[in-house]
């Protein structure tokens, strides 16, 4: 029960963490849908929930949905497409399961019921279900293994190998269960009551390892997004000053900004755009750079004081300097620009009484 609850917590965490990938491409949407369907399937099969809903075949249908979306993901990754035959195949599987399940009077996964006599339709039901799941899972394991060999060393490769191992374990569970059901159907005595708990634990561990492996890139991406959002907050005072002084530097309209706040655009794009807008504003402000001014103890503070003084000179209607000063050189990477301008923006908020304070984490970075 504890392991099952841990898997549920991991699955729903994966569903939430991978929500931003829905706007990336069809492959990520297919993978998210597979994880979401898996979370629903495991929830429906969880003891208290299963007893409450009283629909033992529901996890089976959700499992088929998991396999369909995983197969769709594989088709998109390999470039083979196959949307039509994939849909046709899953429809055939579902219809066959419904017909066989109705003919058998309903299918239950409990070990004591599996140990009872299985008629031909019951055996056929399990063969269709586990055969479809197993085939897709083996295909997925092969894909993950192939990509893992080419992945960069470290966490990306480790995550892919974990997904390979987890998917392989679940595929092994499906194959073994199919074999035992068929053997039992032809008269071989199978102690499902004794075997099922261990087999179920293997399946659960496989799901846990596989999903944990898929979360590795999502976790790294989440950490990167959080760092980028913090930079957005740090840059806001300086960006706001440039926006108010030179509205023409803004690359997108406020409506576009509202769309971005909903998470449709990558936070890194917003960060890079903010850096470009600040730099465009500083370029337009350069004619009012005083050139010489009392140096500060820290370079970022000196830059912030020069920006504040240039803004005040411009606001007061001062004439542009004949030989304006220049801003501190930074480079060559965008990360260098972000780090430097973040320091300058923090210092600017302190030296300029009109600077916009950095909002709380729940506030808007726009």
Protein backbone atom coordinates (compact mmCIF):
# COMPACT_ATOMS: atom_id res chain seq x y z
CA UNK A 1 0.00 0.00 0.00
CA UNK A 2 2.86 2.40 0.85
CA UNK A 3 4.65 1.66 -2.42
CA UNK A 4 1.43 2.12 -4.40
CA UNK A 5 0.80 5.46 -2.67
CA UNK A 6 4.38 6.56 -3.42
CA UNK A 7 3.90 5.71 -7.10
CA UNK A 8 0.66 7.69 -7.20
CA UNK A 9 2.40 10.70 -5.65
CA UNK A 10 5.21 10.43 -8.21
CA UNK A 11 2.80 10.06 -11.13
CA UNK A 12 0.69 13.07 -10.26
CA UNK A 13 3.86 15.08 -9.58
CA UNK A 14 5.06 14.11 -13.06
CA UNK A 15 1.72 15.18 -14.54
CA UNK A 16 2.03 18.61 -12.93
CA UNK A 17 5.75 19.10 -13.62
CA UNK A 18 5.36 18.29 -17.30
CA UNK A 19 2.38 20.59 -17.91
CA UNK A 20 4.65 23.31 -19.44
CA UNK A 21 5.74 20.80 -22.10
CA UNK A 22 2.21 20.77 -23.53
CA UNK A 23 3.05 23.91 -25.51
CA UNK A 24 6.30 22.57 -26.97
CA UNK A 25 5.32 20.00 -29.60
CA UNK A 26 3.16 16.96 -30.34
CA UNK A 27 5.72 14.52 -28.97
CA UNK A 28 5.68 16.15 -25.55
CA UNK A 29 1.87 16.28 -25.58
CA UNK A 30 1.69 12.57 -26.38
CA UNK A 31 4.14 11.73 -23.58
CA UNK A 32 2.24 13.91 -21.11
CA UNK A 33 -1.03 12.23 -22.10
CA UNK A 34 0.55 8.80 -21.49
CA UNK A 35 1.69 9.84 -18.00
CA UNK A 36 -1.70 11.40 -17.25
CA UNK A 37 -3.55 8.27 -18.35
CA UNK A 38 -1.16 6.15 -16.27
CA UNK A 39 -1.85 8.32 -13.22
CA UNK A 40 -5.58 7.85 -13.77
CA UNK A 41 -5.16 4.09 -14.25
CA UNK A 42 -3.13 3.63 -11.07
CA UNK A 43 -5.55 5.82 -9.14
CA UNK A 44 -8.51 3.78 -10.36
CA UNK A 45 -6.69 0.56 -9.36
CA UNK A 46 -5.69 1.87 -5.93
CA UNK A 47 -7.46 -0.17 -3.24
CA UNK A 48 -9.73 2.43 -1.59
CA UNK A 49 -10.52 4.10 -4.91
CA UNK A 50 -11.20 0.80 -6.67
CA UNK A 51 -13.60 -0.26 -3.90
CA UNK A 52 -15.39 3.09 -4.10
CA UNK A 53 -15.94 3.16 -7.87
CA UNK A 54 -16.59 -0.57 -8.28
CA UNK A 55 -15.38 -0.72 -11.91
CA UNK A 56 -12.60 -3.34 -12.09
CA UNK A 57 -12.25 -3.04 -15.87
CA UNK A 58 -11.68 0.74 -15.81
CA UNK A 59 -7.93 0.46 -15.07
CA UNK A 60 -7.65 -1.91 -18.04
CA UNK A 61 -9.16 0.62 -20.45
CA UNK A 62 -6.97 3.37 -19.00
CA UNK A 63 -3.97 1.08 -19.42
CA UNK A 64 -4.81 0.73 -23.10
CA UNK A 65 -4.96 4.53 -23.30
CA UNK A 66 -1.48 4.69 -21.75
CA UNK A 67 -0.15 2.27 -24.36
CA UNK A 68 -1.84 4.19 -27.19
CA UNK A 69 -0.30 7.53 -26.21
CA UNK A 70 3.08 5.90 -25.63
CA UNK A 71 2.86 4.31 -29.08
CA UNK A 72 1.90 7.69 -30.50
CA UNK A 73 4.94 9.22 -28.79
CA UNK A 74 7.19 6.53 -30.25
CA UNK A 75 5.79 7.12 -33.73
CA UNK A 76 6.42 10.85 -33.48
CA UNK A 77 9.95 10.40 -32.13
CA UNK A 78 10.95 7.90 -34.82
CA UNK A 79 9.25 9.91 -37.55
CA UNK A 80 7.16 6.98 -38.71
CA UNK A 81 3.86 8.67 -37.94
CA UNK A 82 1.23 5.98 -38.17
CA UNK A 83 -1.57 7.94 -36.49
CA UNK A 84 -4.29 6.20 -38.50
CA UNK A 85 -3.22 2.62 -37.90
CA UNK A 86 -2.48 3.41 -34.24
CA UNK A 87 -6.02 4.72 -33.78
CA UNK A 88 -7.46 1.78 -35.71
CA UNK A 89 -5.46 -0.69 -33.60
CA UNK A 90 -6.51 0.79 -30.27
CA UNK A 91 -10.15 0.86 -31.38
CA UNK A 92 -9.95 -2.83 -32.31
CA UNK A 93 -8.33 -3.65 -28.95
CA UNK A 94 -10.95 -1.73 -26.96
CA UNK A 95 -13.90 -3.18 -28.88
CA UNK A 96 -12.50 -6.69 -28.51
CA UNK A 97 -12.00 -6.18 -24.77
CA UNK A 98 -15.58 -4.94 -24.35
CA UNK A 99 -17.00 -7.90 -26.28
CA UNK A 100 -14.87 -10.47 -24.46
CA UNK A 101 -15.49 -8.86 -21.10
CA UNK A 102 -19.23 -8.90 -21.64
CA UNK A 103 -19.12 -12.51 -22.79
CA UNK A 104 -17.20 -13.47 -19.64
CA UNK A 105 -19.61 -11.64 -17.39
CA UNK A 106 -17.01 -9.06 -16.38
CA UNK A 107 -13.28 -9.24 -15.72
CA UNK A 108 -11.66 -8.69 -12.34
CA UNK A 109 -7.97 -8.46 -11.49
CA UNK A 110 -8.16 -9.88 -8.00
CA UNK A 111 -5.92 -12.90 -7.51
CA UNK A 112 -8.61 -15.10 -5.98
CA UNK A 113 -10.84 -14.56 -9.02
CA UNK A 114 -7.98 -15.17 -11.44
CA UNK A 115 -7.35 -18.46 -9.65
CA UNK A 116 -10.90 -19.56 -10.44
CA UNK A 117 -11.68 -21.34 -13.66
CA UNK A 118 -11.14 -19.11 -16.67
CA UNK A 119 -13.17 -19.77 -19.78
CA UNK A 120 -11.82 -19.20 -23.27
CA UNK A 121 -13.24 -15.68 -23.50
CA UNK A 122 -11.59 -14.71 -20.21
CA UNK A 123 -8.23 -16.01 -21.37
CA UNK A 124 -8.64 -14.22 -24.71
CA UNK A 125 -9.42 -10.98 -22.88
CA UNK A 126 -6.16 -11.10 -20.93
CA UNK A 127 -4.16 -12.08 -24.00
CA UNK A 128 -5.51 -9.11 -25.97
CA UNK A 129 -4.98 -6.67 -23.08
CA UNK A 130 -1.54 -7.79 -21.92
CA UNK A 131 -0.39 -8.54 -25.46
CA UNK A 132 -1.14 -5.00 -26.61
CA UNK A 133 0.41 -3.46 -23.50
CA UNK A 134 3.46 -5.71 -23.65
CA UNK A 135 4.16 -5.04 -27.33
CA UNK A 136 4.00 -1.28 -26.87
CA UNK A 137 6.12 -1.41 -23.71
CA UNK A 138 8.83 -3.49 -25.39
CA UNK A 139 8.88 -1.02 -28.29
CA UNK A 140 9.18 1.84 -25.80
CA UNK A 141 12.01 0.13 -23.91
CA UNK A 142 13.93 -0.39 -27.16
CA UNK A 143 13.44 3.28 -28.08
CA UNK A 144 14.59 4.54 -24.67
CA UNK A 145 17.63 2.26 -24.78
CA UNK A 146 18.60 3.48 -28.24
CA UNK A 147 18.32 7.12 -27.24
CA UNK A 148 20.16 6.49 -23.95
CA UNK A 149 23.24 5.28 -25.84
CA UNK A 150 23.45 8.61 -27.64
CA UNK A 151 22.47 10.85 -24.71
CA UNK A 152 25.03 13.05 -22.93
CA UNK A 153 26.72 11.41 -19.97
CA UNK A 154 25.33 12.17 -16.54
CA UNK A 155 21.72 12.67 -15.52
CA UNK A 156 20.19 12.68 -19.05
CA UNK A 157 21.65 9.26 -19.85
CA UNK A 158 20.88 7.92 -16.38
CA UNK A 159 17.26 9.07 -16.68
CA UNK A 160 16.83 7.36 -20.05
CA UNK A 161 18.35 4.12 -18.80
CA UNK A 162 16.01 4.28 -15.81
CA UNK A 163 13.05 4.69 -18.18
CA UNK A 164 14.36 1.73 -20.19
CA UNK A 165 14.64 -0.47 -17.11
CA UNK A 166 11.26 0.58 -15.74
CA UNK A 167 9.46 0.06 -19.04
CA UNK A 168 11.17 -3.30 -19.42
CA UNK A 169 10.04 -4.41 -15.97
CA UNK A 170 6.42 -3.53 -16.72
CA UNK A 171 6.68 -5.32 -20.07
CA UNK A 172 8.07 -8.37 -18.26
CA UNK A 173 5.11 -8.24 -15.87
CA UNK A 174 2.69 -8.17 -18.82
CA UNK A 175 4.43 -11.09 -20.52
CA UNK A 176 4.55 -13.23 -17.38
CA UNK A 177 0.92 -12.52 -16.52
CA UNK A 178 -0.17 -13.42 -20.04
CA UNK A 179 1.77 -16.67 -19.89
CA UNK A 180 0.34 -17.60 -16.49
CA UNK A 181 -3.22 -16.80 -17.57
CA UNK A 182 -2.87 -18.90 -20.71
CA UNK A 183 -1.31 -21.76 -18.74
CA UNK A 184 -4.11 -21.61 -16.19
CA UNK A 185 -6.69 -21.51 -18.97
CA UNK A 186 -5.41 -24.78 -20.45
CA UNK A 187 -5.50 -26.58 -17.11
CA UNK A 188 -2.17 -25.85 -15.41
CA UNK A 189 -2.57 -25.04 -11.73
CA UNK A 190 -1.32 -21.50 -11.03
CA UNK A 191 -1.26 -20.08 -7.51
CA UNK A 192 -2.26 -16.50 -8.38
CA UNK A 193 -2.91 -15.68 -4.73
CA UNK A 194 0.76 -16.31 -3.99
CA UNK A 195 2.26 -14.97 -7.21
CA UNK A 196 0.19 -11.82 -7.79
CA UNK A 197 1.49 -9.71 -4.85
CA UNK A 198 5.11 -10.19 -5.98
CA UNK A 199 4.23 -9.61 -9.62
CA UNK A 200 2.27 -6.48 -8.75
CA UNK A 201 5.24 -5.19 -6.73
CA UNK A 202 7.51 -5.74 -9.75
CA UNK A 203 5.08 -3.80 -11.94
CA UNK A 204 4.85 -0.99 -9.39
CA UNK A 205 8.63 -0.74 -9.05
CA UNK A 206 8.92 -0.69 -12.83
CA UNK A 207 6.45 2.18 -13.10
CA UNK A 208 8.23 4.08 -10.34
CA UNK A 209 11.66 3.71 -11.98
CA UNK A 210 10.35 4.48 -15.46
CA UNK A 211 8.48 7.63 -14.48
CA UNK A 212 11.33 8.81 -12.25
CA UNK A 213 13.62 8.51 -15.27
CA UNK A 214 11.25 10.60 -17.38
CA UNK A 215 11.24 13.25 -14.67
CA UNK A 216 15.00 13.83 -14.87
CA UNK A 217 14.89 16.22 -17.87
CA UNK A 218 11.69 17.81 -16.57
CA UNK A 219 13.31 18.45 -13.18
CA UNK A 220 16.36 20.02 -14.78
CA UNK A 221 14.13 22.15 -16.97
CA UNK A 222 12.09 23.21 -13.94
CA UNK A 223 15.22 24.28 -12.07
CA UNK A 224 16.39 26.23 -15.10
CA UNK A 225 12.97 27.89 -15.43
CA UNK A 226 12.97 28.90 -11.76
CA UNK A 227 16.43 30.44 -12.13
CA UNK A 228 15.31 32.32 -15.25
CA UNK A 229 12.21 33.60 -13.47
CA UNK A 230 14.32 34.86 -10.58
CA UNK A 231 16.44 36.74 -13.10
CA UNK A 232 13.28 38.23 -14.58
CA UNK A 233 12.36 39.55 -11.15
CA UNK A 234 15.86 40.92 -10.56
CA UNK A 235 15.87 42.71 -13.94
CA UNK A 236 12.46 44.28 -13.47
CA UNK A 237 13.53 47.61 -11.86
CA UNK A 238 16.03 48.39 -14.61
CA UNK A 239 13.73 47.10 -17.36
CA UNK A 240 10.82 49.20 -16.08
CA UNK A 241 12.97 52.33 -16.08
CA UNK A 242 14.00 51.70 -19.68
CA UNK A 243 10.45 50.87 -20.71
CA UNK A 244 9.10 54.09 -19.21
CA UNK A 245 11.88 56.20 -20.75
CA UNK A 246 11.87 54.52 -24.17
CA UNK A 247 8.56 52.69 -24.84
CA UNK A 248 9.72 51.87 -28.36
CA UNK A 249 12.21 49.29 -27.05
CA UNK A 250 9.41 46.91 -26.05
CA UNK A 251 9.33 44.10 -28.57
CA UNK A 252 5.77 42.87 -27.91
CA UNK A 253 2.49 44.48 -26.96
CA UNK A 254 0.95 44.27 -23.45
CA UNK A 255 -1.58 41.76 -24.83
CA UNK A 256 1.31 39.57 -25.92
CA UNK A 257 2.78 39.93 -22.45
CA UNK A 258 -0.45 38.67 -20.87
CA UNK A 259 -0.33 35.62 -23.12
CA UNK A 260 3.25 34.97 -22.02
CA UNK A 261 2.29 35.28 -18.37
CA UNK A 262 -0.09 32.38 -18.93
CA UNK A 263 2.97 30.25 -19.64
CA UNK A 264 2.55 29.79 -23.39
CA UNK A 265 6.01 31.14 -24.19
CA UNK A 266 9.19 29.80 -22.66
CA UNK A 267 10.43 31.82 -19.68
CA UNK A 268 13.90 31.82 -21.19
CA UNK A 269 12.60 33.65 -24.25
CA UNK A 270 11.07 36.27 -21.96
CA UNK A 271 14.37 36.62 -20.12
CA UNK A 272 16.41 37.03 -23.30
CA UNK A 273 13.92 39.53 -24.65
CA UNK A 274 14.07 41.51 -21.43
CA UNK A 275 17.87 41.69 -21.68
CA UNK A 276 17.61 42.90 -25.29
CA UNK A 277 15.06 45.55 -24.33
CA UNK A 278 17.26 46.79 -21.49
CA UNK A 279 20.26 46.97 -23.79
CA UNK A 280 18.22 48.84 -26.43
CA UNK A 281 17.13 51.29 -23.76
CA UNK A 282 20.70 51.78 -22.55
CA UNK A 283 21.81 52.37 -26.13
CA UNK A 284 19.15 55.08 -26.52
CA UNK A 285 20.20 56.53 -23.13
CA UNK A 286 23.92 56.62 -23.93
CA UNK A 287 23.95 60.23 -25.27
CA UNK A 288 23.04 61.34 -21.73
CA UNK A 289 25.79 59.30 -20.10
CA UNK A 290 27.75 61.78 -17.97
CA UNK A 291 31.09 60.37 -19.01
CA UNK A 292 32.78 61.14 -15.71
CA UNK A 293 31.26 60.74 -12.26
CA UNK A 294 32.51 59.70 -8.82
CA UNK A 295 33.40 56.02 -9.04
CA UNK A 296 31.62 53.58 -6.75
CA UNK A 297 33.23 50.79 -4.79
CA UNK A 298 31.57 48.13 -6.92
CA UNK A 299 31.36 48.14 -10.75
CA UNK A 300 27.65 47.23 -10.75
CA UNK A 301 26.87 50.11 -8.38
CA UNK A 302 28.87 52.49 -10.59
CA UNK A 303 26.93 51.37 -13.64
CA UNK A 304 23.63 51.78 -11.80
CA UNK A 305 24.55 55.28 -10.65
CA UNK A 306 25.51 56.27 -14.18
CA UNK A 307 22.18 54.95 -15.52
CA UNK A 308 20.22 56.81 -12.83
CA UNK A 309 22.11 60.04 -13.53
CA UNK A 310 21.61 59.69 -17.30
CA UNK A 311 17.88 59.14 -16.80
CA UNK A 312 17.64 62.22 -14.59
CA UNK A 313 19.57 64.34 -17.13
CA UNK A 314 17.28 63.20 -19.91
CA UNK A 315 14.15 63.83 -17.84
CA UNK A 316 15.41 67.33 -16.99
CA UNK A 317 15.82 68.16 -20.69
CA UNK A 318 19.61 68.34 -20.64
CA UNK A 319 21.46 68.43 -23.93
CA UNK A 320 23.17 65.21 -24.99
CA UNK A 321 26.85 65.14 -24.06
CA UNK A 322 29.36 65.93 -26.81
CA UNK A 323 31.47 62.98 -25.75
CA UNK A 324 29.17 60.62 -23.85
CA UNK A 325 30.59 57.87 -21.74
CA UNK A 326 30.11 54.19 -22.43
CA UNK A 327 28.50 51.41 -20.52
CA UNK A 328 30.53 48.60 -19.02
CA UNK A 329 31.48 45.92 -21.58
CA UNK A 330 29.99 42.49 -20.92
CA UNK A 331 30.10 39.26 -22.75
CA UNK A 332 30.31 37.20 -24.72
CA UNK A 333 27.50 34.89 -23.59
CA UNK A 334 23.89 35.77 -22.84
CA UNK A 335 24.38 34.27 -19.38
CA UNK A 336 27.05 36.94 -18.74
CA UNK A 337 24.59 39.66 -19.76
CA UNK A 338 21.89 38.25 -17.49
CA UNK A 339 24.23 37.99 -14.50
CA UNK A 340 25.68 41.48 -14.99
CA UNK A 341 22.41 43.29 -15.67
CA UNK A 342 20.82 41.53 -12.68
CA UNK A 343 23.51 42.98 -10.42
CA UNK A 344 23.10 46.41 -12.01
CA UNK A 345 19.31 46.25 -11.65
CA UNK A 346 19.54 45.35 -7.96
CA UNK A 347 21.97 48.23 -7.41
CA UNK A 348 19.78 50.54 -9.51
CA UNK A 349 16.81 49.89 -7.23
CA UNK A 350 18.93 51.07 -4.29
CA UNK A 351 20.47 54.18 -5.87
CA UNK A 352 17.38 55.45 -7.71
CA UNK A 353 14.42 56.60 -5.59
CA UNK A 354 12.07 56.05 -8.53
CA UNK A 355 13.16 52.48 -9.23
CA UNK A 356 10.44 49.85 -9.24
CA UNK A 357 10.87 47.46 -6.29
CA UNK A 358 11.34 43.80 -7.05
CA UNK A 359 7.93 42.17 -6.48
CA UNK A 360 7.27 39.21 -4.23
CA UNK A 361 7.69 35.80 -5.93
CA UNK A 362 3.94 35.68 -6.47
CA UNK A 363 3.96 39.05 -8.21
CA UNK A 364 4.16 39.64 -11.93
CA UNK A 365 7.59 39.70 -13.48
CA UNK A 366 6.19 41.54 -16.45
